[in-house]
Protein backbone atom coordinates (compact mmCIF):
# COMPACT_ATOMS: atom_id res chain seq x y z
CA MET A 1 15.96 -4.81 -1.83
CA ILE A 2 13.25 -7.41 -2.42
CA THR A 3 13.08 -7.93 1.35
CA THR A 4 12.64 -4.18 1.83
CA LEU A 5 9.84 -4.07 -0.73
CA ILE A 6 8.09 -7.03 0.88
CA ALA A 7 8.34 -5.35 4.29
CA ALA A 8 6.90 -2.15 2.88
CA VAL A 9 3.78 -3.86 1.52
CA PRO A 10 1.97 -4.17 4.90
CA LEU A 11 2.78 -0.53 5.70
CA ALA A 12 1.45 0.65 2.35
CA ALA A 13 -1.67 -1.44 2.82
CA ALA A 14 -2.21 0.06 6.26
CA LEU A 15 -1.82 3.59 4.91
CA ILE A 16 -4.28 2.87 2.11
CA ALA A 17 -6.76 1.50 4.67
CA VAL A 18 -6.43 4.64 6.80
CA VAL A 19 -7.04 6.86 3.76
CA VAL A 20 -10.07 4.82 2.67
CA ILE A 21 -11.57 4.94 6.18
CA ALA A 22 -11.01 8.71 6.36
CA LEU A 23 -12.69 9.22 3.00
CA LEU A 24 -15.64 7.07 4.00
CA GLN A 25 -16.05 8.99 7.29
CA ARG A 26 -15.85 12.26 5.39
CA ARG A 27 -18.56 11.08 2.97
CA ARG A 28 -20.78 9.97 5.87
CA LEU A 29 -20.32 13.35 7.57
CA ARG A 30 -21.14 15.15 4.31
CA ARG A 31 -24.33 13.09 3.88
CA LEU A 32 -25.32 13.73 7.50
CA THR A 33 -24.76 17.48 7.33
CA THR A 34 -26.52 17.77 3.98
CA ALA A 35 -29.53 15.80 5.18
CA THR A 36 -29.93 17.71 8.46
CA GLY A 37 -28.59 21.14 7.53
CA LEU A 38 -25.85 20.84 10.15
CA HIS A 39 -23.10 22.04 7.79
CA HIS A 40 -23.91 25.64 8.77
CA VAL A 41 -23.28 24.80 12.43
CA LEU A 42 -20.16 22.73 11.81
CA SER A 43 -18.62 25.46 9.63
CA ASP A 44 -19.27 28.17 12.22
CA ALA A 45 -16.20 27.39 14.32
CA HIS A 46 -14.65 30.85 13.85
CA ALA A 47 -17.67 32.73 15.27
CA SER A 48 -17.87 30.28 18.16
CA TRP A 49 -14.18 30.75 18.93
CA ILE A 50 -14.60 34.55 19.04
CA VAL A 51 -17.62 34.31 21.34
CA ASP A 52 -15.95 31.71 23.56
CA HIS A 53 -12.83 33.88 23.94
CA ALA A 54 -14.96 36.97 24.63
CA LEU A 55 -16.95 35.28 27.40
CA LYS A 56 -13.83 33.75 28.93
CA SER A 57 -12.28 37.23 28.87
CA LEU A 58 -15.36 38.64 30.61
CA ALA A 59 -15.31 35.93 33.27
CA ASP A 60 -11.57 36.44 33.79
CA ALA A 61 -11.95 40.22 34.13
CA CYS A 62 -14.70 39.77 36.71
CA TYR A 63 -12.57 37.27 38.66
CA ARG A 64 -9.64 39.73 38.82
CA GLU A 65 -11.72 42.60 40.27
CA PRO A 66 -13.08 40.43 42.06
CA ARG A 67 -16.80 40.19 41.25
CA LEU A 68 -19.24 37.56 40.07
CA ALA A 69 -19.53 37.07 36.33
CA PRO A 70 -22.97 38.27 35.19
CA ASP A 71 -25.74 35.98 34.03
CA ILE A 72 -26.08 36.45 30.26
CA VAL A 73 -29.25 35.90 28.26
CA MET A 74 -28.06 36.83 24.76
CA VAL A 75 -24.82 37.48 22.87
CA VAL A 76 -24.69 39.39 19.58
CA LEU A 77 -21.56 39.04 17.45
CA ARG A 78 -20.96 41.81 14.93
CA ASP A 79 -18.06 42.50 12.56
CA THR A 80 -15.92 44.28 15.16
CA THR A 81 -17.77 43.98 18.49
CA VAL A 82 -19.38 41.53 20.88
CA ALA A 83 -22.45 42.63 22.85
CA VAL A 84 -23.85 40.70 25.81
CA HIS A 85 -27.33 41.21 27.27
CA VAL A 86 -26.97 40.68 31.01
CA ALA A 87 -29.79 39.49 33.27
CA SER A 88 -29.17 42.16 35.92
CA PRO A 89 -28.10 45.74 35.11
CA SER A 90 -24.69 47.10 36.05
CA ALA A 91 -23.37 50.56 35.17
CA HIS A 92 -19.74 49.56 35.75
CA PRO A 93 -18.66 46.51 33.71
CA PRO A 94 -14.99 45.48 33.84
CA SER A 95 -12.56 46.86 31.26
CA PRO A 96 -12.59 46.75 28.22
CA TRP A 97 -16.37 46.39 28.34
CA ARG A 98 -18.66 49.42 28.16
CA THR A 99 -22.39 49.58 28.87
CA THR A 100 -25.60 51.24 27.78
CA ALA A 101 -27.34 53.78 29.99
CA ASP A 102 -29.60 51.13 31.51
CA GLY A 103 -26.65 48.80 32.25
CA LEU A 104 -28.28 45.85 30.48
CA VAL A 105 -26.09 45.61 27.37
CA TRP A 106 -22.30 45.35 27.66
CA THR A 107 -20.18 45.78 24.53
CA ALA A 108 -16.48 45.28 23.80
CA ASP A 109 -14.28 45.49 20.71
CA ILE A 110 -13.14 42.09 19.45
CA VAL A 111 -9.57 43.37 18.99
CA ALA A 112 -9.40 44.54 22.61
CA LEU A 113 -10.76 41.22 23.88
CA GLN A 114 -8.29 39.18 21.86
CA ALA A 115 -5.46 41.32 23.23
CA SER A 116 -6.52 40.62 26.81
CA PRO A 117 -4.48 37.79 28.40
CA LEU A 118 -6.45 34.92 29.85
CA SER A 119 -5.63 32.81 32.86
CA PRO A 120 -4.92 29.20 31.78
CA MET A 121 -7.58 28.06 34.24
CA THR A 122 -10.32 30.34 32.84
CA THR A 123 -13.42 28.53 31.58
CA ASN A 124 -16.56 29.71 29.84
CA PRO A 125 -19.35 29.59 32.46
CA TYR A 126 -22.13 29.96 29.86
CA THR A 127 -22.60 26.29 29.02
CA GLY A 128 -26.15 26.58 27.65
CA LEU A 129 -25.17 28.83 24.74
CA VAL A 130 -26.64 28.00 21.30
CA THR A 131 -26.95 29.92 18.05
CA LEU A 132 -30.33 31.52 17.49
CA GLY A 133 -29.38 32.61 13.97
CA VAL A 134 -28.51 35.78 12.08
CA SER A 135 -30.55 38.93 12.66
CA GLU A 136 -30.19 42.44 11.31
CA ARG A 137 -27.98 43.18 14.33
CA GLY A 138 -25.53 40.31 13.86
CA ARG A 139 -25.12 36.63 14.75
CA VAL A 140 -27.24 35.93 17.83
CA PHE A 141 -26.48 33.40 20.56
CA VAL A 142 -28.78 32.68 23.51
CA ASP A 143 -27.97 30.99 26.82
CA LEU A 144 -30.76 28.47 27.37
CA THR A 145 -29.69 28.11 31.00
CA GLU A 146 -31.31 31.46 31.78
CA ALA A 147 -34.82 30.15 31.05
CA HIS A 148 -35.08 28.44 34.48
CA GLY A 149 -38.03 26.45 33.14
CA LEU A 150 -39.17 24.51 30.08
CA ILE A 151 -38.11 25.72 26.63
CA SER A 152 -40.25 24.76 23.65
CA ILE A 153 -39.82 24.90 19.87
CA GLY A 154 -43.17 25.07 18.08
CA GLY A 155 -44.12 25.76 14.49
CA ASP A 156 -43.44 23.79 11.33
CA ALA A 157 -42.61 20.16 12.22
CA GLU A 158 -39.62 19.76 9.90
CA SER A 159 -38.24 23.19 10.79
CA ARG A 160 -38.38 22.60 14.53
CA ARG A 161 -36.69 19.23 14.01
CA LEU A 162 -33.83 20.91 12.13
CA VAL A 163 -33.48 23.71 14.71
CA GLY A 164 -33.36 21.10 17.48
CA ALA A 165 -30.78 19.07 15.53
CA ARG A 166 -28.57 22.13 15.17
CA TRP A 167 -28.78 22.97 18.86
CA ILE A 168 -27.92 19.37 19.71
CA ALA A 169 -24.90 19.51 17.37
CA GLU A 170 -23.75 22.75 18.97
CA ALA A 171 -24.24 21.45 22.49
CA ALA A 172 -21.95 18.53 21.70
CA SER A 173 -19.25 20.36 19.73
CA ARG A 174 -18.74 23.94 20.88
CA PRO A 175 -15.79 25.00 23.10
CA TRP A 176 -18.10 25.62 26.05
CA SER A 177 -19.81 22.24 25.70
CA THR A 178 -20.42 20.10 28.79
CA GLY A 179 -20.59 16.95 26.69
CA ALA A 180 -23.22 15.10 24.70
CA PRO A 181 -26.79 16.31 25.42
CA HIS A 182 -29.33 14.09 27.13
CA LEU A 183 -31.76 13.01 24.37
CA ILE A 184 -35.17 11.37 24.79
CA GLY A 185 -37.45 10.23 21.97
CA LEU A 186 -35.76 12.20 19.19
CA ASP A 187 -35.12 9.16 16.99
CA PRO A 188 -37.47 9.62 13.98
CA ALA A 189 -38.34 5.91 14.18
CA ALA A 190 -39.69 6.44 17.70
CA ALA A 191 -41.44 9.75 17.02
CA THR A 192 -44.91 8.24 17.44
CA GLN A 193 -44.03 6.05 20.40
CA PRO A 194 -45.00 7.11 23.95
CA ILE A 195 -42.23 8.64 26.04
CA VAL A 196 -41.19 6.22 28.77
CA ALA A 197 -41.75 7.78 32.19
CA SER A 198 -38.53 6.29 33.59
CA ALA A 199 -36.52 8.11 30.89
CA LEU A 200 -38.02 11.44 31.92
CA ASP A 201 -37.46 10.58 35.58
CA HIS A 202 -33.79 9.94 34.81
CA LEU A 203 -33.57 13.30 33.02
CA THR A 204 -35.21 15.01 35.99
CA ASP A 205 -32.64 13.44 38.32
CA SER A 206 -29.87 14.83 36.08
CA VAL A 207 -31.48 18.30 36.12
CA ALA A 208 -31.79 18.21 39.92
CA SER A 209 -28.21 17.02 40.44
CA GLY A 210 -26.81 20.55 40.24
CA THR A 211 -24.35 19.75 37.45
CA PRO A 212 -24.51 21.66 34.14
CA GLY A 213 -25.93 19.91 31.10
CA LEU A 214 -28.57 20.10 28.40
CA GLY A 215 -31.62 17.96 27.65
CA PHE A 216 -33.79 17.54 24.54
CA VAL A 217 -37.07 15.64 24.53
CA GLN A 218 -39.53 14.92 21.73
CA ARG A 219 -42.54 15.68 23.94
CA LEU A 220 -43.56 15.64 27.57
CA GLY A 221 -44.93 12.75 29.60
CA ASP A 222 -47.85 12.59 32.02
CA ASP A 223 -48.76 15.52 34.27
CA ALA A 224 -47.01 14.18 37.38
CA THR A 225 -43.75 13.45 35.55
CA THR A 226 -43.83 16.86 33.83
CA ALA A 227 -44.55 18.66 37.11
CA ARG A 228 -41.51 17.03 38.73
CA LEU A 229 -39.31 18.05 35.80
CA ILE A 230 -40.55 21.65 35.87
CA LYS A 231 -39.96 21.86 39.63
CA ALA A 232 -36.34 20.75 39.12
CA LEU A 233 -35.85 23.26 36.30
CA GLU A 234 -37.19 26.12 38.40
CA THR A 235 -34.90 25.35 41.35
CA HIS A 236 -32.51 28.21 42.07
CA GLY A 237 -29.08 27.55 40.60
CA CYS A 238 -30.24 24.98 38.02
CA ARG A 239 -27.76 24.87 35.10
CA PHE A 240 -29.41 22.10 33.09
CA PRO A 241 -31.97 23.52 30.59
CA VAL A 242 -34.43 21.20 28.84
CA VAL A 243 -35.80 21.84 25.33
CA VAL A 244 -39.03 20.23 24.12
CA ALA A 245 -39.23 19.77 20.34
CA ASP A 246 -42.92 20.63 20.36
CA ALA A 247 -45.18 23.56 21.20
CA VAL A 248 -45.77 23.82 24.96
CA PRO A 249 -48.16 26.69 25.83
CA ASP A 250 -46.93 26.93 29.43
CA ALA A 251 -43.19 26.79 28.61
CA ARG A 252 -41.09 29.55 30.14
CA TRP A 253 -39.41 30.33 26.79
CA ARG A 254 -41.29 29.60 23.55
CA PHE A 255 -39.70 29.63 20.10
CA THR A 256 -41.45 29.19 16.75
CA ALA A 257 -39.59 27.66 13.79
CA HIS A 258 -41.01 28.80 10.45
CA SER A 259 -40.70 26.88 7.19
CA ASN A 260 -39.20 29.95 5.50
CA GLY A 261 -36.13 29.74 7.70
CA TRP A 262 -36.95 32.18 10.51
CA LEU A 263 -36.90 31.45 14.25
CA THR A 264 -39.03 33.82 16.31
CA SER A 265 -39.99 34.38 19.94
CA ASP A 266 -41.79 36.97 22.04
CA PHE A 267 -38.66 38.59 23.46
CA LEU A 268 -35.57 37.77 21.36
CA PRO A 269 -34.66 39.09 17.89
CA ASP A 270 -36.18 37.31 14.92
CA ALA A 271 -33.29 35.35 13.40
CA ARG A 272 -32.57 33.42 10.22
CA TRP A 273 -31.33 29.90 10.85
CA ILE A 274 -30.68 29.02 7.18
CA PRO A 275 -28.53 30.89 4.61
CA ASP A 276 -29.62 34.47 3.93
CA ALA A 277 -30.11 33.88 0.20
CA ALA A 278 -32.72 31.21 0.84
CA VAL A 279 -34.78 33.28 3.25
CA PRO A 280 -37.61 35.69 2.33
CA PRO A 281 -38.54 38.59 4.65
CA ALA A 282 -39.58 37.69 8.19
CA PRO A 283 -43.23 36.72 8.67
CA ALA A 284 -45.56 39.08 10.49
CA LEU A 285 -46.62 37.39 13.72
CA PRO A 286 -50.09 37.92 15.21
CA SER A 287 -48.53 38.26 18.67
CA GLN A 288 -46.37 41.20 17.62
CA LYS A 289 -47.76 44.71 18.02
CA SER A 290 -45.42 45.87 15.25
CA PRO A 291 -43.72 43.73 12.59
CA LYS A 292 -40.29 45.05 13.50
CA LYS A 293 -38.79 44.90 16.99
CA THR A 294 -36.58 47.79 18.10
CA ALA A 295 -33.37 47.24 20.03
CA LYS A 296 -34.81 49.11 23.02
CA ALA A 297 -37.97 47.01 23.03
CA GLU A 298 -35.96 43.79 22.77
CA THR A 299 -33.73 44.79 25.69
CA ALA A 300 -36.78 45.53 27.85
CA ALA A 301 -38.44 42.26 26.82
CA ILE A 302 -35.27 40.24 27.57
CA ALA A 303 -35.02 41.85 31.01
CA GLY A 304 -38.69 41.10 31.66
CA ALA A 305 -38.40 37.48 30.55
CA THR A 306 -35.34 36.96 32.73
CA LYS A 307 -36.99 38.47 35.81
CA ALA A 308 -40.02 36.26 35.27
CA SER A 309 -37.81 33.18 35.15
CA VAL A 310 -35.91 33.78 38.38
């Protein structure tokens, strides 16, 4: 019996070590998510699973017809439905999807989508999808791939840093992820350092390679380096969007992160990216003709922005 007890000591010690390591990792994760606000992204797995299944179901239904899966700019998840804003109108979406009169918004019931069998080989083709936030219409996702040009996040410095951090976390953890994003100059310790041209050249090579991915940069480099990057982004078929964590007046898509927790743009719904209880009403923007965007106006603006980016 003594021999048995002696033999069990190393095993017990190993188990204790595993538990201690797990607790330490959990504490580190808690500190990280608390410091950066990423706990809202990491706890959003259920919504991401629903959207991932819905888009896989859409791609699978298109494959069976057969037809090409549509390019999608925005996804809105509601309590019982998923709505996708497509880049090109179609009056005849595959079952169980239905469409608006203009063919730009396809909607399906979540129950019907979950009942639809999926091919084991089906993948989600919308690899640039990130959460915009929560609007009055539901939880909003946007596919950054559809920008076909630079994407910028302007506004409050700390807010745009947090929005960028959340998008980076999503890009690395969601079911449709293509892997860890390509990051340049986002380390706070290097925030004031010049961006190395070779790093941007390497990013440009990745963008031009034709493989899907996602890039985040603190700011742009010299004119020649930036021009080469933009040319690669605007190439037909590019699936590698690049987000600049700074205001870029000539960016194809421009977002503004406000210190009160709202993320706004010229053509997408204003969305809250922090908990509802901590957010006051949306700010009135000088660029808006009216403080409240209608669904019809947003659909038209999305279609216009997509056409301009092709």
